[in-house]
N, C-alpha and C. Protein backbone atom coordinates (compact mmCIF):
# COMPACT_ATOMS: atom_id res chain seq x y z
N UNK A 1 11.94 -20.25 -27.61
CA UNK A 1 11.26 -18.99 -28.46
C UNK A 1 12.87 -18.12 -28.97
N UNK A 2 13.62 -18.55 -29.00
CA UNK A 2 14.79 -17.35 -28.69
C UNK A 2 14.67 -17.06 -30.69
N UNK A 3 14.45 -17.83 -31.09
CA UNK A 3 15.12 -17.92 -32.85
C UNK A 3 13.90 -18.50 -33.39
N UNK A 4 13.30 -17.70 -34.72
CA UNK A 4 11.89 -18.91 -35.36
C UNK A 4 13.14 -19.68 -36.02
N UNK A 5 12.36 -20.65 -37.61
CA UNK A 5 12.81 -21.76 -38.14
C UNK A 5 13.79 -20.73 -39.17
N UNK A 6 13.52 -19.38 -39.44
CA UNK A 6 14.05 -19.05 -40.92
C UNK A 6 15.70 -18.46 -40.08
N UNK A 7 15.62 -18.40 -38.74
CA UNK A 7 16.90 -17.83 -38.13
C UNK A 7 16.65 -16.00 -37.78
N UNK A 8 15.44 -15.83 -38.11
CA UNK A 8 15.31 -14.28 -36.68
C UNK A 8 14.67 -14.33 -35.63
N UNK A 9 15.30 -13.00 -35.56
CA UNK A 9 15.71 -13.67 -33.19
C UNK A 9 13.98 -12.70 -33.65
N UNK A 10 13.59 -13.63 -31.83
CA UNK A 10 12.36 -12.88 -31.95
C UNK A 10 12.46 -11.88 -30.56
N UNK A 11 11.39 -11.08 -30.99
CA UNK A 11 11.63 -9.77 -30.10
C UNK A 11 10.17 -9.68 -29.24
N UNK A 12 10.21 -9.00 -28.23
CA UNK A 12 9.34 -8.83 -27.50
C UNK A 12 9.39 -7.23 -27.44
N UNK A 13 7.89 -6.97 -27.24
CA UNK A 13 7.85 -5.28 -26.95
C UNK A 13 7.41 -4.75 -25.35
N UNK A 14 8.40 -4.06 -25.24
CA UNK A 14 8.08 -3.49 -23.67
C UNK A 14 8.22 -1.52 -23.54
N UNK A 15 6.97 -1.86 -24.18
CA UNK A 15 6.49 -0.55 -24.15
C UNK A 15 6.80 0.52 -24.50
N UNK A 16 6.27 1.73 -25.06
CA UNK A 16 6.35 2.64 -26.07
C UNK A 16 7.24 3.05 -27.16
N UNK A 17 6.66 1.45 -27.82
CA UNK A 17 7.57 0.95 -29.44
C UNK A 17 8.60 1.04 -28.99
N UNK A 18 8.98 0.56 -27.98
CA UNK A 18 10.48 -0.54 -27.80
C UNK A 18 10.41 -1.60 -27.83
N UNK A 19 10.76 -2.89 -28.65
CA UNK A 19 11.52 -4.04 -28.91
C UNK A 19 12.79 -4.15 -28.53
N UNK A 20 13.25 -5.82 -27.32
CA UNK A 20 14.32 -6.56 -27.24
C UNK A 20 14.29 -8.12 -27.95
N UNK A 21 15.61 -7.91 -28.31
CA UNK A 21 15.55 -9.41 -28.81
C UNK A 21 15.76 -10.79 -27.82
N UNK A 22 14.88 -11.42 -27.66
CA UNK A 22 14.47 -12.71 -25.81
C UNK A 22 15.67 -12.94 -25.90
N UNK A 23 16.65 -13.38 -27.42
CA UNK A 23 17.83 -13.93 -26.89
C UNK A 23 18.85 -13.54 -26.59
N UNK A 24 18.98 -12.18 -26.16
CA UNK A 24 19.53 -11.62 -25.65
C UNK A 24 19.68 -11.18 -24.14
N UNK A 25 18.40 -11.54 -23.43
CA UNK A 25 18.57 -11.41 -22.35
C UNK A 25 18.71 -12.07 -21.35
N UNK A 26 19.57 -11.68 -20.66
CA UNK A 26 20.32 -12.62 -19.08
C UNK A 26 19.35 -12.35 -18.33
N UNK A 27 18.84 -11.57 -17.32
CA UNK A 27 18.07 -11.33 -16.28
C UNK A 27 17.26 -10.03 -16.27
N UNK A 28 16.32 -10.36 -15.31
CA UNK A 28 15.58 -9.20 -15.65
C UNK A 28 15.28 -8.74 -14.15
N UNK A 29 16.08 -6.93 -13.56
CA UNK A 29 15.85 -7.03 -12.01
C UNK A 29 15.09 -5.71 -11.98
N UNK A 30 13.98 -6.25 -10.36
CA UNK A 30 13.31 -5.10 -10.43
C UNK A 30 13.67 -3.78 -9.40
N UNK A 31 13.69 -2.13 -10.23
CA UNK A 31 13.62 -0.98 -10.25
C UNK A 31 13.15 -1.09 -8.55
N UNK A 32 11.98 -1.17 -8.87
CA UNK A 32 10.76 -0.51 -7.97
C UNK A 32 11.41 -1.23 -6.26
N UNK A 33 11.97 -1.77 -5.94
CA UNK A 33 12.02 -2.48 -4.88
C UNK A 33 13.60 -0.98 -3.76
N UNK A 34 14.01 -0.61 -4.61
CA UNK A 34 15.32 0.50 -4.41
C UNK A 34 16.62 -0.54 -3.95
N UNK A 35 16.64 -1.90 -4.56
CA UNK A 35 17.73 -3.11 -4.39
C UNK A 35 19.03 -2.22 -4.43
N UNK A 36 20.49 -1.31 -3.67
CA UNK A 36 21.45 -0.98 -3.75
C UNK A 36 22.18 -1.49 -4.85
N UNK A 37 22.86 -3.43 -5.12
CA UNK A 37 23.20 -3.76 -6.02
C UNK A 37 22.79 -3.41 -6.90
N UNK A 38 21.63 -3.30 -7.12
CA UNK A 38 20.86 -3.66 -8.90
C UNK A 38 21.63 -2.00 -8.95
N UNK A 39 21.06 -0.67 -8.19
CA UNK A 39 21.17 0.52 -8.11
C UNK A 39 22.48 0.79 -8.28
N UNK A 40 23.77 0.19 -7.57
CA UNK A 40 24.97 0.78 -8.38
C UNK A 40 25.26 -0.45 -9.53
N UNK A 41 24.74 -1.71 -10.23
CA UNK A 41 24.92 -1.86 -11.81
C UNK A 41 24.71 -1.00 -12.40
N UNK A 42 23.55 -0.32 -12.28
CA UNK A 42 22.98 0.53 -13.43
C UNK A 42 23.78 2.28 -12.98
N UNK A 43 24.14 2.28 -12.31
CA UNK A 43 24.86 3.59 -11.95
C UNK A 43 26.62 3.58 -12.76
N UNK A 44 27.41 1.90 -12.44
CA UNK A 44 28.71 1.76 -13.11
C UNK A 44 28.27 1.58 -14.55
N UNK A 45 27.12 1.15 -15.22
CA UNK A 45 27.37 1.35 -16.08
C UNK A 45 26.81 2.72 -16.94
N UNK A 46 26.01 3.44 -16.18
CA UNK A 46 25.62 4.38 -17.31
C UNK A 46 27.72 5.11 -17.22
N UNK A 47 28.03 4.96 -16.03
CA UNK A 47 29.77 5.30 -16.12
C UNK A 47 30.51 4.88 -17.66
N UNK A 48 29.96 3.38 -17.70
CA UNK A 48 30.96 3.17 -18.87
C UNK A 48 30.07 3.14 -19.96
N UNK A 49 28.76 3.82 -20.17
CA UNK A 49 28.75 4.33 -21.40
C UNK A 49 27.46 2.73 -21.98
N UNK A 50 27.26 2.16 -21.28
CA UNK A 50 26.53 0.73 -21.43
C UNK A 50 25.05 0.67 -21.08
N UNK A 51 24.18 1.51 -21.01
CA UNK A 51 22.99 1.59 -20.12
C UNK A 51 22.09 2.17 -21.82
N UNK A 52 20.80 1.22 -22.23
CA UNK A 52 19.66 1.64 -22.93
C UNK A 52 19.18 2.41 -22.03
N UNK A 53 18.38 3.56 -22.12
CA UNK A 53 17.26 4.13 -21.33
C UNK A 53 16.01 3.51 -21.87
N UNK A 54 15.40 2.82 -22.00
CA UNK A 54 13.75 2.31 -22.97
C UNK A 54 12.78 3.16 -22.05
N UNK A 55 12.55 3.99 -20.95
CA UNK A 55 11.79 4.75 -20.08
C UNK A 55 10.76 5.74 -20.88
N UNK A 56 11.45 6.29 -21.75
CA UNK A 56 10.68 7.87 -22.39
C UNK A 56 10.54 8.21 -21.19
N UNK A 57 11.06 8.61 -19.86
CA UNK A 57 11.13 9.67 -18.99
C UNK A 57 10.21 9.33 -18.19
N UNK A 58 9.70 7.79 -17.66
CA UNK A 58 8.56 7.54 -16.65
C UNK A 58 9.85 6.84 -15.80
N UNK A 59 9.51 6.72 -14.83
CA UNK A 59 9.81 6.22 -13.61
C UNK A 59 10.61 4.54 -14.05
N UNK A 60 11.55 4.47 -13.66
CA UNK A 60 12.16 2.87 -14.12
C UNK A 60 12.04 1.45 -13.53
N UNK A 61 11.24 0.61 -13.22
CA UNK A 61 10.59 -0.36 -13.23
C UNK A 61 11.67 -1.96 -12.64
N UNK A 62 12.00 -1.96 -14.56
CA UNK A 62 12.79 -2.46 -14.65
C UNK A 62 14.12 -2.26 -15.15
N UNK A 63 15.22 -3.32 -14.49
CA UNK A 63 16.48 -3.19 -15.90
C UNK A 63 17.25 -4.61 -16.44
N UNK A 64 16.85 -4.62 -17.27
CA UNK A 64 17.81 -5.98 -17.92
C UNK A 64 19.04 -6.12 -18.53
N UNK A 65 19.59 -6.93 -17.54
CA UNK A 65 21.15 -7.31 -17.92
C UNK A 65 21.34 -8.37 -19.72
N UNK A 66 21.90 -7.67 -20.22
CA UNK A 66 22.04 -8.33 -21.84
C UNK A 66 23.84 -8.85 -21.54
N UNK A 67 23.58 -9.93 -22.72
CA UNK A 67 24.59 -10.55 -22.83
C UNK A 67 25.95 -9.93 -23.13
N UNK A 68 25.26 -8.90 -24.08
CA UNK A 68 26.98 -7.57 -24.09
C UNK A 68 27.26 -7.66 -22.42
N UNK A 69 26.43 -6.97 -22.20
CA UNK A 69 27.09 -6.25 -20.84
C UNK A 69 26.00 -4.99 -20.35
N UNK A 70 25.57 -4.46 -21.31
CA UNK A 70 24.35 -3.25 -21.45
C UNK A 70 23.67 -3.74 -20.61
N UNK A 71 23.05 -2.65 -19.81
CA UNK A 71 22.24 -2.48 -18.97
C UNK A 71 20.65 -1.82 -19.74
N UNK A 72 19.03 -2.08 -20.07
CA UNK A 72 18.42 -1.45 -20.66
C UNK A 72 17.31 -1.50 -19.04
N UNK A 73 16.69 0.08 -19.53
CA UNK A 73 16.18 0.57 -18.07
C UNK A 73 14.59 0.19 -19.30
N UNK A 74 13.55 0.09 -18.25
CA UNK A 74 12.22 -0.25 -19.11
C UNK A 74 11.55 0.95 -17.63
N UNK A 75 10.31 0.93 -18.31
CA UNK A 75 8.96 1.25 -17.65
C UNK A 75 8.23 0.46 -17.02
N UNK A 76 8.44 -0.55 -17.46
CA UNK A 76 7.31 -1.62 -17.04
C UNK A 76 7.84 -2.60 -16.32
N UNK A 77 7.25 -3.43 -15.78
CA UNK A 77 7.62 -4.58 -14.47
C UNK A 77 8.25 -5.36 -15.11
N UNK A 78 9.00 -6.44 -14.16
CA UNK A 78 9.92 -7.49 -14.97
C UNK A 78 8.90 -8.33 -14.76
N UNK A 79 8.06 -9.00 -13.95
CA UNK A 79 6.72 -9.80 -14.09
C UNK A 79 6.05 -9.03 -15.72
N UNK A 80 5.87 -8.43 -16.15
CA UNK A 80 5.20 -8.36 -16.81
C UNK A 80 6.31 -8.38 -18.94
N UNK A 81 7.07 -8.02 -18.54
CA UNK A 81 8.68 -8.23 -19.62
C UNK A 81 8.34 -10.28 -19.19
N UNK A 82 8.50 -10.40 -18.07
CA UNK A 82 8.37 -12.16 -18.38
C UNK A 82 7.58 -12.39 -18.46
N UNK A 83 6.24 -12.09 -18.20
CA UNK A 83 4.69 -13.12 -19.24
C UNK A 83 4.54 -12.92 -20.57
N UNK A 84 5.38 -11.35 -20.86
CA UNK A 84 6.00 -11.24 -22.84
C UNK A 84 6.74 -11.95 -23.28
N UNK A 85 7.90 -12.39 -22.92
CA UNK A 85 8.94 -13.24 -22.45
C UNK A 85 8.05 -14.32 -22.95
N UNK A 86 7.45 -14.77 -21.95
CA UNK A 86 6.88 -16.16 -22.16
C UNK A 86 5.83 -16.66 -23.42
N UNK A 87 5.39 -15.57 -23.63
CA UNK A 87 4.71 -15.17 -24.64
C UNK A 87 2.52 -15.51 -23.83
N UNK A 88 2.83 -15.08 -22.77
CA UNK A 88 1.47 -14.46 -21.77
C UNK A 88 1.56 -13.27 -21.20
N UNK A 89 0.21 -12.92 -21.14
CA UNK A 89 -0.19 -11.90 -20.87
C UNK A 89 0.46 -11.54 -19.13
N UNK A 90 0.32 -10.33 -18.31
CA UNK A 90 0.79 -10.27 -17.38
C UNK A 90 0.12 -10.81 -16.64
N UNK A 91 -1.20 -10.39 -16.39
CA UNK A 91 -2.49 -11.06 -15.51
C UNK A 91 -2.54 -12.57 -15.45
N UNK A 92 -2.20 -13.54 -16.87
CA UNK A 92 -1.91 -14.67 -17.07
C UNK A 92 -0.42 -15.15 -16.08
N UNK A 93 0.60 -14.45 -16.06
CA UNK A 93 1.38 -15.13 -15.36
C UNK A 93 1.01 -14.23 -13.77
N UNK A 94 0.76 -13.47 -13.48
CA UNK A 94 0.53 -13.12 -12.01
C UNK A 94 -0.51 -13.97 -11.34
N UNK A 95 -1.59 -14.43 -12.36
CA UNK A 95 -2.64 -15.69 -11.59
C UNK A 95 -1.92 -17.49 -11.05
N UNK A 96 -0.96 -17.13 -11.72
CA UNK A 96 -0.03 -18.30 -12.00
C UNK A 96 0.93 -18.58 -10.87
N UNK A 97 1.64 -17.50 -10.18
CA UNK A 97 1.85 -17.41 -8.67
C UNK A 97 3.88 -16.88 -8.95
N UNK A 98 4.01 -16.20 -10.57
CA UNK A 98 4.72 -15.79 -10.43
C UNK A 98 5.26 -14.43 -11.16
């Protein structure tokens, strides 16, 4: 699902008018649980200037780690992002046990 036949990169809507390129996503980390290693990654990325905040002032729920080393902060859950990347709705993802 990373690219279309014409070479265009597939984008996924991550809320509030923001989109991410699906072929650049390495990992989705849950920020709601308050895990220290992920919080350290985010703090270090802020110091390096490698953070992209797409929360529009809302609580950060997901940290997306990209191929370029940037960390993108989102206000939607990792399950919702994974469902959108996979082409399914959040409800379908949750009922499948993901």
